[in-house]
């Protein structure tokens, strides 16, 4: 019997490796996007893969605790990814703070650096806010393209749509974002 959306939860609870493969294939882009969003500010993108692996390991080990259907499973695995990534972020942040203290360098001493960081954070938050206004499919496409650096063909395969549809949605989405960001900036300065 083939693993499907209808039976993968049951089979995963029975520790069926085929069900785990199904979960990895189905939820990898979703999990990567969550983990990347949390870890990206640290500049340690290489740790995303490690954290994603930890998420799937945790799912495998704690699958008996899950009670629900496929829709609830997506929420559950998303929460696991979020908290694993936050834990990793905190560990790395503490480690970097210790290293800076040992080096005797204090990056926060520079006023320009602080201003640059604040501006970057504001710009990133504004962009994420505008991205959140897009349709779910468009938001997923942008996340995969610009945060996970996936090719348009890979995105099309992951979302079960044509490459032309991905290209069109990226084009239209960029136009929407450019318009809304420009409008937002104009409102801010007037």
N, C-alpha and C. Protein backbone atom coordinates (compact mmCIF):
# COMPACT_ATOMS: atom_id res chain seq x y z
N UNK A 1 0.85 -1.19 0.00
CA UNK A 1 0.00 0.00 0.00
C UNK A 1 0.89 1.24 0.00
N UNK A 2 0.56 2.16 -0.86
CA UNK A 2 1.35 3.37 -1.05
C UNK A 2 1.02 4.41 0.03
N UNK A 3 2.03 5.16 0.45
CA UNK A 3 1.82 6.22 1.44
C UNK A 3 1.16 7.40 0.76
N UNK A 4 0.11 7.93 1.39
CA UNK A 4 -0.60 9.07 0.83
C UNK A 4 -0.99 10.02 1.95
N UNK A 5 -1.63 11.12 1.55
CA UNK A 5 -2.06 12.11 2.53
C UNK A 5 -3.06 11.52 3.53
N UNK A 6 -3.79 10.52 3.10
CA UNK A 6 -4.81 9.92 3.94
C UNK A 6 -4.24 8.96 4.99
N UNK A 7 -3.11 8.31 4.68
CA UNK A 7 -2.63 7.27 5.60
C UNK A 7 -1.24 7.53 6.20
N UNK A 8 -0.59 8.64 5.85
CA UNK A 8 0.78 8.81 6.30
C UNK A 8 0.90 8.98 7.81
N UNK A 9 -0.09 9.58 8.47
CA UNK A 9 -0.02 9.77 9.92
C UNK A 9 -0.05 8.42 10.62
N UNK A 10 -0.98 7.56 10.21
CA UNK A 10 -1.07 6.22 10.80
C UNK A 10 0.22 5.44 10.60
N UNK A 11 0.73 5.50 9.39
CA UNK A 11 1.95 4.74 9.07
C UNK A 11 3.17 5.32 9.77
N UNK A 12 3.19 6.61 9.96
CA UNK A 12 4.31 7.24 10.67
C UNK A 12 4.31 6.81 12.13
N UNK A 13 3.14 6.69 12.72
CA UNK A 13 3.04 6.24 14.10
C UNK A 13 3.51 4.79 14.26
N UNK A 14 3.42 4.02 13.18
CA UNK A 14 3.91 2.63 13.20
C UNK A 14 5.39 2.56 12.84
N UNK A 15 6.04 3.75 12.78
CA UNK A 15 7.47 3.86 12.47
C UNK A 15 7.80 3.31 11.07
N UNK A 16 6.91 3.57 10.13
CA UNK A 16 7.12 3.17 8.74
C UNK A 16 8.02 4.21 8.07
N UNK A 17 9.19 3.77 7.62
CA UNK A 17 10.16 4.68 7.01
C UNK A 17 9.62 5.31 5.72
N UNK A 18 8.78 4.61 5.02
CA UNK A 18 8.18 5.16 3.79
C UNK A 18 7.31 6.38 4.14
N UNK A 19 6.64 6.33 5.28
CA UNK A 19 5.83 7.47 5.72
C UNK A 19 6.73 8.66 6.06
N UNK A 20 7.89 8.39 6.67
CA UNK A 20 8.83 9.47 6.97
C UNK A 20 9.34 10.10 5.67
N UNK A 21 9.64 9.27 4.68
CA UNK A 21 10.07 9.79 3.38
C UNK A 21 8.98 10.68 2.77
N UNK A 22 7.74 10.25 2.90
CA UNK A 22 6.61 11.04 2.40
C UNK A 22 6.57 12.40 3.11
N UNK A 23 6.73 12.39 4.43
CA UNK A 23 6.70 13.62 5.21
C UNK A 23 7.85 14.54 4.77
N UNK A 24 9.03 13.99 4.59
CA UNK A 24 10.18 14.79 4.17
C UNK A 24 9.93 15.39 2.79
N UNK A 25 9.47 14.57 1.86
CA UNK A 25 9.21 15.06 0.50
C UNK A 25 8.12 16.13 0.49
N UNK A 26 7.10 15.95 1.29
CA UNK A 26 5.96 16.85 1.28
C UNK A 26 6.22 18.16 2.02
N UNK A 27 6.87 18.07 3.17
CA UNK A 27 6.99 19.23 4.05
C UNK A 27 8.36 19.91 4.05
N UNK A 28 9.31 19.40 3.26
CA UNK A 28 10.66 19.99 3.26
C UNK A 28 10.66 21.48 2.93
N UNK A 29 10.00 21.94 1.85
CA UNK A 29 10.03 23.39 1.56
C UNK A 29 9.41 24.22 2.69
N UNK A 30 8.33 23.74 3.25
CA UNK A 30 7.65 24.42 4.34
C UNK A 30 8.57 24.55 5.55
N UNK A 31 9.23 23.46 5.93
CA UNK A 31 10.11 23.44 7.09
C UNK A 31 11.34 24.31 6.84
N UNK A 32 11.92 24.19 5.64
CA UNK A 32 13.10 25.00 5.32
C UNK A 32 12.79 26.48 5.41
N UNK A 33 11.62 26.87 4.94
CA UNK A 33 11.25 28.29 4.97
C UNK A 33 11.15 28.80 6.40
N UNK A 34 10.55 28.02 7.27
CA UNK A 34 10.40 28.42 8.67
C UNK A 34 11.77 28.54 9.32
N UNK A 35 12.59 27.51 9.16
CA UNK A 35 13.91 27.48 9.79
C UNK A 35 14.79 28.60 9.24
N UNK A 36 14.75 28.80 7.93
CA UNK A 36 15.56 29.85 7.32
C UNK A 36 15.16 31.22 7.85
N UNK A 37 13.88 31.45 7.98
CA UNK A 37 13.39 32.74 8.45
C UNK A 37 13.93 33.05 9.84
N UNK A 38 14.03 32.04 10.69
CA UNK A 38 14.51 32.25 12.05
C UNK A 38 16.04 32.40 12.09
N UNK A 39 16.77 31.56 11.35
CA UNK A 39 18.23 31.54 11.44
C UNK A 39 18.92 32.54 10.53
N UNK A 40 18.24 33.06 9.53
CA UNK A 40 18.86 33.96 8.55
C UNK A 40 19.50 35.19 9.18
N UNK A 41 18.91 35.83 10.19
CA UNK A 41 19.56 37.03 10.76
C UNK A 41 20.96 36.77 11.32
N UNK A 42 21.25 35.55 11.70
CA UNK A 42 22.57 35.24 12.24
C UNK A 42 23.62 35.06 11.15
N UNK A 43 23.17 34.92 9.92
CA UNK A 43 24.10 34.73 8.81
C UNK A 43 24.70 33.33 8.76
N UNK A 44 24.10 32.39 9.42
CA UNK A 44 24.59 31.00 9.44
C UNK A 44 23.63 30.11 8.65
N UNK A 45 23.54 30.37 7.37
CA UNK A 45 22.60 29.65 6.50
C UNK A 45 22.94 28.17 6.43
N UNK A 46 24.21 27.83 6.60
CA UNK A 46 24.61 26.43 6.54
C UNK A 46 24.00 25.58 7.65
N UNK A 47 23.57 26.23 8.72
CA UNK A 47 22.95 25.50 9.82
C UNK A 47 21.48 25.17 9.57
N UNK A 48 20.92 25.73 8.52
CA UNK A 48 19.52 25.48 8.20
C UNK A 48 19.30 23.99 7.96
N UNK A 49 20.17 23.38 7.14
CA UNK A 49 20.03 21.95 6.83
C UNK A 49 20.11 21.09 8.10
N UNK A 50 21.03 21.44 8.98
CA UNK A 50 21.18 20.69 10.23
C UNK A 50 19.92 20.80 11.07
N UNK A 51 19.38 21.99 11.16
CA UNK A 51 18.18 22.21 11.96
C UNK A 51 16.97 21.50 11.33
N UNK A 52 16.88 21.51 10.00
CA UNK A 52 15.78 20.82 9.31
C UNK A 52 15.87 19.31 9.61
N UNK A 53 17.08 18.78 9.60
CA UNK A 53 17.26 17.35 9.93
C UNK A 53 16.81 17.07 11.36
N UNK A 54 17.14 18.00 12.27
CA UNK A 54 16.71 17.84 13.67
C UNK A 54 15.19 17.84 13.78
N UNK A 55 14.54 18.65 12.95
CA UNK A 55 13.07 18.70 12.97
C UNK A 55 12.49 17.35 12.58
N UNK A 56 12.99 16.79 11.47
CA UNK A 56 12.46 15.51 11.02
C UNK A 56 12.80 14.37 12.00
N UNK A 57 13.95 14.45 12.64
CA UNK A 57 14.30 13.47 13.66
C UNK A 57 13.34 13.57 14.83
N UNK A 58 13.04 14.79 15.24
CA UNK A 58 12.11 15.01 16.34
C UNK A 58 10.71 14.50 15.99
N UNK A 59 10.29 14.71 14.75
CA UNK A 59 8.99 14.20 14.29
C UNK A 59 8.98 12.68 14.40
N UNK A 60 10.04 12.06 13.92
CA UNK A 60 10.16 10.60 13.95
C UNK A 60 10.10 10.07 15.39
N UNK A 61 10.80 10.74 16.29
CA UNK A 61 10.87 10.27 17.67
C UNK A 61 9.61 10.56 18.47
N UNK A 62 8.88 11.61 18.10
CA UNK A 62 7.72 12.03 18.89
C UNK A 62 6.39 11.83 18.19
N UNK A 63 6.38 11.03 17.15
CA UNK A 63 5.17 10.86 16.35
C UNK A 63 4.01 10.27 17.16
N UNK A 64 4.30 9.49 18.18
CA UNK A 64 3.23 8.90 18.98
C UNK A 64 2.47 9.96 19.79
N UNK A 65 3.10 11.10 20.02
CA UNK A 65 2.46 12.17 20.78
C UNK A 65 1.46 12.95 19.93
N UNK A 66 1.59 12.85 18.60
CA UNK A 66 0.71 13.59 17.70
C UNK A 66 -0.66 12.93 17.64
N UNK A 67 -1.68 13.76 17.76
CA UNK A 67 -3.05 13.28 17.63
C UNK A 67 -3.77 14.25 16.70
N UNK A 68 -4.14 13.75 15.53
CA UNK A 68 -4.84 14.62 14.59
C UNK A 68 -4.71 14.10 13.17
N UNK A 69 -5.15 14.96 12.23
CA UNK A 69 -5.14 14.60 10.82
C UNK A 69 -4.03 15.34 10.08
N UNK A 70 -4.04 15.28 8.76
CA UNK A 70 -2.98 15.87 7.94
C UNK A 70 -2.90 17.39 8.11
N UNK A 71 -4.02 18.05 8.24
CA UNK A 71 -4.01 19.51 8.40
C UNK A 71 -3.38 19.88 9.73
N UNK A 72 -3.75 19.18 10.77
CA UNK A 72 -3.16 19.44 12.08
C UNK A 72 -1.69 19.04 12.11
N UNK A 73 -1.33 18.03 11.31
CA UNK A 73 0.07 17.60 11.24
C UNK A 73 0.94 18.74 10.70
N UNK A 74 0.45 19.44 9.69
CA UNK A 74 1.24 20.55 9.13
C UNK A 74 1.47 21.62 10.19
N UNK A 75 0.46 21.92 10.97
CA UNK A 75 0.62 22.90 12.06
C UNK A 75 1.62 22.38 13.10
N UNK A 76 1.50 21.10 13.43
CA UNK A 76 2.36 20.48 14.44
C UNK A 76 3.82 20.51 13.99
N UNK A 77 4.08 20.08 12.76
CA UNK A 77 5.45 20.04 12.27
C UNK A 77 6.00 21.47 12.11
N UNK A 78 5.13 22.41 11.77
CA UNK A 78 5.54 23.81 11.68
C UNK A 78 5.97 24.36 13.03
N UNK A 79 5.25 24.00 14.07
CA UNK A 79 5.60 24.45 15.42
C UNK A 79 6.92 23.80 15.87
N UNK A 80 7.10 22.54 15.56
CA UNK A 80 8.36 21.88 15.90
C UNK A 80 9.51 22.61 15.21
N UNK A 81 9.34 22.91 13.94
CA UNK A 81 10.39 23.61 13.18
C UNK A 81 10.68 24.98 13.79
N UNK A 82 9.64 25.69 14.11
CA UNK A 82 9.81 27.03 14.67
C UNK A 82 10.60 26.98 15.98
N UNK A 83 10.22 26.07 16.88
CA UNK A 83 10.87 26.03 18.18
C UNK A 83 12.28 25.44 18.11
N UNK A 84 12.50 24.49 17.22
CA UNK A 84 13.87 23.97 17.02
C UNK A 84 14.77 25.08 16.50
N UNK A 85 14.27 25.86 15.55
CA UNK A 85 15.06 26.95 14.98
C UNK A 85 15.32 28.04 16.01
N UNK A 86 14.32 28.35 16.82
CA UNK A 86 14.50 29.35 17.88
C UNK A 86 15.54 28.87 18.89
N UNK A 87 15.48 27.60 19.26
CA UNK A 87 16.49 27.05 20.17
C UNK A 87 17.89 27.17 19.57
N UNK A 88 18.01 26.81 18.30
CA UNK A 88 19.30 26.91 17.60
C UNK A 88 19.77 28.36 17.55
N UNK A 89 18.85 29.27 17.29
CA UNK A 89 19.16 30.69 17.24
C UNK A 89 19.71 31.17 18.58
N UNK A 90 19.06 30.79 19.65
CA UNK A 90 19.50 31.21 20.99
C UNK A 90 20.88 30.66 21.31
N UNK A 91 21.11 29.40 20.97
CA UNK A 91 22.43 28.79 21.22
C UNK A 91 23.51 29.55 20.45
N UNK A 92 23.26 29.80 19.17
CA UNK A 92 24.24 30.51 18.35
C UNK A 92 24.44 31.94 18.80
N UNK A 93 23.36 32.59 19.21
CA UNK A 93 23.47 33.97 19.68
C UNK A 93 24.34 34.04 20.94
N UNK A 94 24.12 33.11 21.88
CA UNK A 94 24.95 33.06 23.09
C UNK A 94 26.41 32.77 22.75
N UNK A 95 26.60 31.85 21.81
CA UNK A 95 27.96 31.48 21.40
C UNK A 95 28.67 32.68 20.77
N UNK A 96 27.98 33.40 19.91
CA UNK A 96 28.58 34.58 19.29
C UNK A 96 28.88 35.66 20.32
N UNK A 97 27.99 35.83 21.29
CA UNK A 97 28.22 36.83 22.34
C UNK A 97 29.45 36.47 23.15
N UNK A 98 29.60 35.17 23.47
CA UNK A 98 30.80 34.73 24.21
C UNK A 98 32.06 34.98 23.40
N UNK A 99 32.01 34.66 22.12
CA UNK A 99 33.18 34.87 21.25
C UNK A 99 33.54 36.34 21.17
N UNK A 100 32.55 37.20 21.07
CA UNK A 100 32.82 38.64 21.02
C UNK A 100 33.42 39.12 22.32
N UNK A 101 32.90 38.61 23.44
CA UNK A 101 33.43 39.00 24.74
C UNK A 101 34.89 38.55 24.89
N UNK A 102 35.18 37.35 24.41
CA UNK A 102 36.55 36.85 24.48
C UNK A 102 37.49 37.63 23.56
N UNK A 103 36.99 38.04 22.41
CA UNK A 103 37.80 38.80 21.47
C UNK A 103 38.00 40.24 21.93
N UNK A 104 37.12 40.68 22.81
CA UNK A 104 37.22 42.07 23.27
C UNK A 104 36.66 43.05 22.27
N UNK A 105 35.97 42.56 21.27
CA UNK A 105 35.38 43.45 20.28
C UNK A 105 33.92 43.64 20.59
N UNK A 106 33.50 44.87 20.49
CA UNK A 106 32.10 45.18 20.74
C UNK A 106 31.54 45.90 19.52
N UNK A 107 30.85 45.14 18.69
CA UNK A 107 30.31 45.71 17.45
C UNK A 107 29.26 46.79 17.70
N UNK A 108 28.66 46.77 18.88
CA UNK A 108 27.61 47.74 19.15
C UNK A 108 28.17 49.12 19.47
N UNK A 109 29.49 49.25 19.62
CA UNK A 109 30.10 50.53 19.93
C UNK A 109 29.97 51.50 18.76
N UNK A 110 29.86 51.02 17.58
CA UNK A 110 29.77 51.87 16.41
C UNK A 110 28.32 52.31 16.20
N UNK A 111 28.10 53.62 16.23
CA UNK A 111 26.76 54.15 16.03
C UNK A 111 26.23 53.87 14.64
N UNK A 112 27.11 53.92 13.63
CA UNK A 112 26.68 53.64 12.25
C UNK A 112 26.22 52.20 12.10
N UNK A 113 26.91 51.28 12.76
CA UNK A 113 26.53 49.87 12.68
C UNK A 113 25.14 49.66 13.26
N UNK A 114 24.86 50.31 14.36
CA UNK A 114 23.54 50.19 14.99
C UNK A 114 22.47 50.74 14.05
N UNK A 115 22.72 51.91 13.47
CA UNK A 115 21.75 52.49 12.55
C UNK A 115 21.52 51.59 11.34
N UNK A 116 22.60 51.05 10.80
CA UNK A 116 22.47 50.14 9.65
C UNK A 116 21.65 48.91 10.01
N UNK A 117 21.90 48.36 11.21
CA UNK A 117 21.16 47.18 11.63
C UNK A 117 19.68 47.50 11.82
N UNK A 118 19.38 48.65 12.40
CA UNK A 118 17.98 49.05 12.61
C UNK A 118 17.30 49.25 11.27
N UNK A 119 17.97 49.93 10.34
CA UNK A 119 17.38 50.15 9.01
C UNK A 119 17.14 48.83 8.28
N UNK A 120 18.12 47.94 8.34
CA UNK A 120 17.95 46.64 7.69
C UNK A 120 16.79 45.87 8.30
N UNK A 121 16.67 45.91 9.62
CA UNK A 121 15.58 45.20 10.29
C UNK A 121 14.24 45.80 9.89
N UNK A 122 14.15 47.14 9.83
CA UNK A 122 12.91 47.78 9.42
C UNK A 122 12.55 47.43 7.98
N UNK A 123 13.54 47.47 7.10
CA UNK A 123 13.29 47.13 5.70
C UNK A 123 12.85 45.68 5.56
N UNK A 124 13.51 44.78 6.28
CA UNK A 124 13.15 43.36 6.23
C UNK A 124 11.74 43.15 6.76
N UNK A 125 11.42 43.81 7.87
CA UNK A 125 10.08 43.67 8.45
C UNK A 125 9.01 44.22 7.50
N UNK A 126 9.31 45.34 6.85
CA UNK A 126 8.37 45.92 5.88
C UNK A 126 8.15 44.95 4.73
N UNK A 127 9.23 44.38 4.22
CA UNK A 127 9.13 43.42 3.12
C UNK A 127 8.33 42.18 3.55
N UNK A 128 8.63 41.66 4.74
CA UNK A 128 7.89 40.48 5.23
C UNK A 128 6.41 40.80 5.42
N UNK A 129 6.11 42.02 5.88
CA UNK A 129 4.73 42.43 6.04
C UNK A 129 4.01 42.45 4.69
N UNK A 130 4.67 43.03 3.70
CA UNK A 130 4.07 43.08 2.36
C UNK A 130 3.96 41.68 1.76
N UNK A 131 4.95 40.82 2.01
CA UNK A 131 4.87 39.43 1.54
C UNK A 131 3.68 38.71 2.16
N UNK A 132 3.40 39.02 3.41
CA UNK A 132 2.29 38.34 4.10
C UNK A 132 0.94 38.69 3.48
N UNK A 133 0.87 39.79 2.74
CA UNK A 133 -0.37 40.19 2.09
C UNK A 133 -0.62 39.41 0.80
N UNK A 134 0.42 38.76 0.26
CA UNK A 134 0.26 38.00 -0.97
C UNK A 134 -0.54 36.72 -0.72
N UNK A 135 -1.06 36.15 -1.78
CA UNK A 135 -1.74 34.85 -1.67
C UNK A 135 -0.75 33.81 -1.18
N UNK A 136 -1.25 32.76 -0.56
CA UNK A 136 -0.40 31.73 0.01
C UNK A 136 0.55 31.12 -1.02
N UNK A 137 0.05 30.84 -2.21
CA UNK A 137 0.89 30.24 -3.25
C UNK A 137 2.02 31.20 -3.63
N UNK A 138 1.68 32.47 -3.80
CA UNK A 138 2.69 33.47 -4.17
C UNK A 138 3.72 33.61 -3.05
N UNK A 139 3.26 33.62 -1.83
CA UNK A 139 4.17 33.73 -0.68
C UNK A 139 5.12 32.54 -0.64
N UNK A 140 4.59 31.33 -0.89
CA UNK A 140 5.43 30.14 -0.93
C UNK A 140 6.45 30.22 -2.05
N UNK A 141 6.03 30.71 -3.19
CA UNK A 141 6.93 30.83 -4.35
C UNK A 141 8.06 31.81 -4.02
N UNK A 142 7.73 32.95 -3.44
CA UNK A 142 8.76 33.94 -3.09
C UNK A 142 9.71 33.39 -2.04
N UNK A 143 9.17 32.67 -1.06
CA UNK A 143 10.02 32.08 -0.02
C UNK A 143 10.99 31.09 -0.63
N UNK A 144 10.48 30.23 -1.49
CA UNK A 144 11.34 29.22 -2.12
C UNK A 144 12.38 29.87 -3.04
N UNK A 145 11.97 30.89 -3.78
CA UNK A 145 12.87 31.51 -4.76
C UNK A 145 13.95 32.36 -4.08
N UNK A 146 13.55 33.23 -3.18
CA UNK A 146 14.48 34.23 -2.67
C UNK A 146 15.07 33.92 -1.30
N UNK A 147 14.44 33.04 -0.55
CA UNK A 147 15.00 32.68 0.75
C UNK A 147 15.70 31.32 0.69
N UNK A 148 15.10 30.39 -0.02
CA UNK A 148 15.68 29.05 -0.14
C UNK A 148 16.52 28.91 -1.41
N UNK A 149 16.48 29.93 -2.26
CA UNK A 149 17.27 29.99 -3.50
C UNK A 149 17.04 28.78 -4.40
N UNK A 150 15.78 28.39 -4.52
CA UNK A 150 15.41 27.28 -5.40
C UNK A 150 15.19 27.80 -6.81
N UNK A 151 15.46 26.97 -7.80
CA UNK A 151 15.22 27.32 -9.20
C UNK A 151 13.72 27.26 -9.48
N UNK A 152 13.29 27.99 -10.50
CA UNK A 152 11.87 28.03 -10.84
C UNK A 152 11.31 26.64 -11.15
N UNK A 153 12.10 25.81 -11.82
CA UNK A 153 11.67 24.44 -12.11
C UNK A 153 11.46 23.62 -10.85
N UNK A 154 12.35 23.79 -9.88
CA UNK A 154 12.21 23.08 -8.61
C UNK A 154 10.96 23.54 -7.86
N UNK A 155 10.71 24.83 -7.91
CA UNK A 155 9.52 25.38 -7.25
C UNK A 155 8.26 24.81 -7.91
N UNK A 156 8.26 24.77 -9.23
CA UNK A 156 7.12 24.23 -9.97
C UNK A 156 6.86 22.78 -9.58
N UNK A 157 7.93 21.99 -9.48
CA UNK A 157 7.79 20.59 -9.08
C UNK A 157 7.26 20.46 -7.66
N UNK A 158 7.77 21.29 -6.75
CA UNK A 158 7.36 21.22 -5.35
C UNK A 158 5.90 21.61 -5.16
N UNK A 159 5.43 22.55 -5.96
CA UNK A 159 4.05 23.05 -5.79
C UNK A 159 3.07 22.45 -6.79
N UNK A 160 3.58 21.55 -7.65
CA UNK A 160 2.74 20.89 -8.64
C UNK A 160 2.05 21.88 -9.58
N UNK A 161 2.81 22.89 -10.02
CA UNK A 161 2.32 23.83 -11.01
C UNK A 161 3.37 23.92 -12.12
N UNK A 162 3.02 24.58 -13.22
CA UNK A 162 3.97 24.67 -14.34
C UNK A 162 5.03 25.73 -14.04
N UNK A 163 6.15 25.61 -14.73
CA UNK A 163 7.23 26.59 -14.59
C UNK A 163 6.76 27.96 -15.06
N UNK A 164 5.94 27.99 -16.12
CA UNK A 164 5.40 29.25 -16.62
C UNK A 164 4.54 29.93 -15.56
N UNK A 165 3.78 29.15 -14.80
CA UNK A 165 2.95 29.71 -13.73
C UNK A 165 3.84 30.33 -12.64
N UNK A 166 4.94 29.65 -12.33
CA UNK A 166 5.89 30.19 -11.34
C UNK A 166 6.47 31.51 -11.86
N UNK A 167 6.90 31.52 -13.12
CA UNK A 167 7.47 32.74 -13.71
C UNK A 167 6.46 33.89 -13.66
N UNK A 168 5.22 33.61 -14.04
CA UNK A 168 4.18 34.64 -14.05
C UNK A 168 3.89 35.15 -12.64
N UNK A 169 3.80 34.24 -11.69
CA UNK A 169 3.50 34.64 -10.31
C UNK A 169 4.66 35.46 -9.72
N UNK A 170 5.89 35.10 -10.06
CA UNK A 170 7.04 35.89 -9.60
C UNK A 170 7.00 37.29 -10.20
N UNK A 171 6.72 37.38 -11.49
CA UNK A 171 6.67 38.67 -12.17
C UNK A 171 5.58 39.56 -11.56
N UNK A 172 4.38 39.00 -11.45
CA UNK A 172 3.26 39.78 -10.90
C UNK A 172 3.49 40.11 -9.43
N UNK A 173 4.04 39.17 -8.70
CA UNK A 173 4.32 39.40 -7.28
C UNK A 173 5.34 40.50 -7.06
N UNK A 174 6.38 40.53 -7.91
CA UNK A 174 7.39 41.60 -7.80
C UNK A 174 6.75 42.95 -8.06
N UNK A 175 5.88 42.99 -9.05
CA UNK A 175 5.19 44.26 -9.36
C UNK A 175 4.32 44.69 -8.18
N UNK A 176 3.58 43.76 -7.59
CA UNK A 176 2.73 44.09 -6.44
C UNK A 176 3.58 44.58 -5.27
N UNK A 177 4.68 43.87 -5.00
CA UNK A 177 5.55 44.25 -3.89
C UNK A 177 6.19 45.62 -4.12
N UNK A 178 6.66 45.86 -5.34
CA UNK A 178 7.28 47.15 -5.66
C UNK A 178 6.26 48.28 -5.45
N UNK A 179 5.06 48.06 -5.93
CA UNK A 179 4.02 49.08 -5.78
C UNK A 179 3.69 49.32 -4.30
N UNK A 180 3.45 48.25 -3.56
CA UNK A 180 3.06 48.42 -2.16
C UNK A 180 4.19 48.97 -1.31
N UNK A 181 5.44 48.58 -1.59
CA UNK A 181 6.57 49.13 -0.84
C UNK A 181 6.78 50.61 -1.16
N UNK A 182 6.63 50.98 -2.42
CA UNK A 182 6.75 52.38 -2.82
C UNK A 182 5.66 53.21 -2.15
N UNK A 183 4.45 52.68 -2.18
CA UNK A 183 3.31 53.37 -1.55
C UNK A 183 3.55 53.52 -0.05
N UNK A 184 4.06 52.49 0.58
CA UNK A 184 4.35 52.51 2.01
C UNK A 184 5.41 53.56 2.34
N UNK A 185 6.45 53.63 1.52
CA UNK A 185 7.51 54.63 1.74
C UNK A 185 6.97 56.04 1.55
N UNK A 186 6.14 56.23 0.52
CA UNK A 186 5.56 57.55 0.29
C UNK A 186 4.70 57.99 1.47
N UNK A 187 3.92 57.06 2.02
CA UNK A 187 3.07 57.37 3.17
C UNK A 187 3.93 57.71 4.38
N UNK A 188 5.05 57.04 4.52
CA UNK A 188 5.93 57.26 5.67
C UNK A 188 6.56 58.65 5.62
N UNK A 189 6.89 59.13 4.42
CA UNK A 189 7.60 60.40 4.28
C UNK A 189 6.69 61.58 4.02
N UNK A 190 5.37 61.37 3.95
CA UNK A 190 4.47 62.51 3.73
C UNK A 190 3.67 62.80 4.96
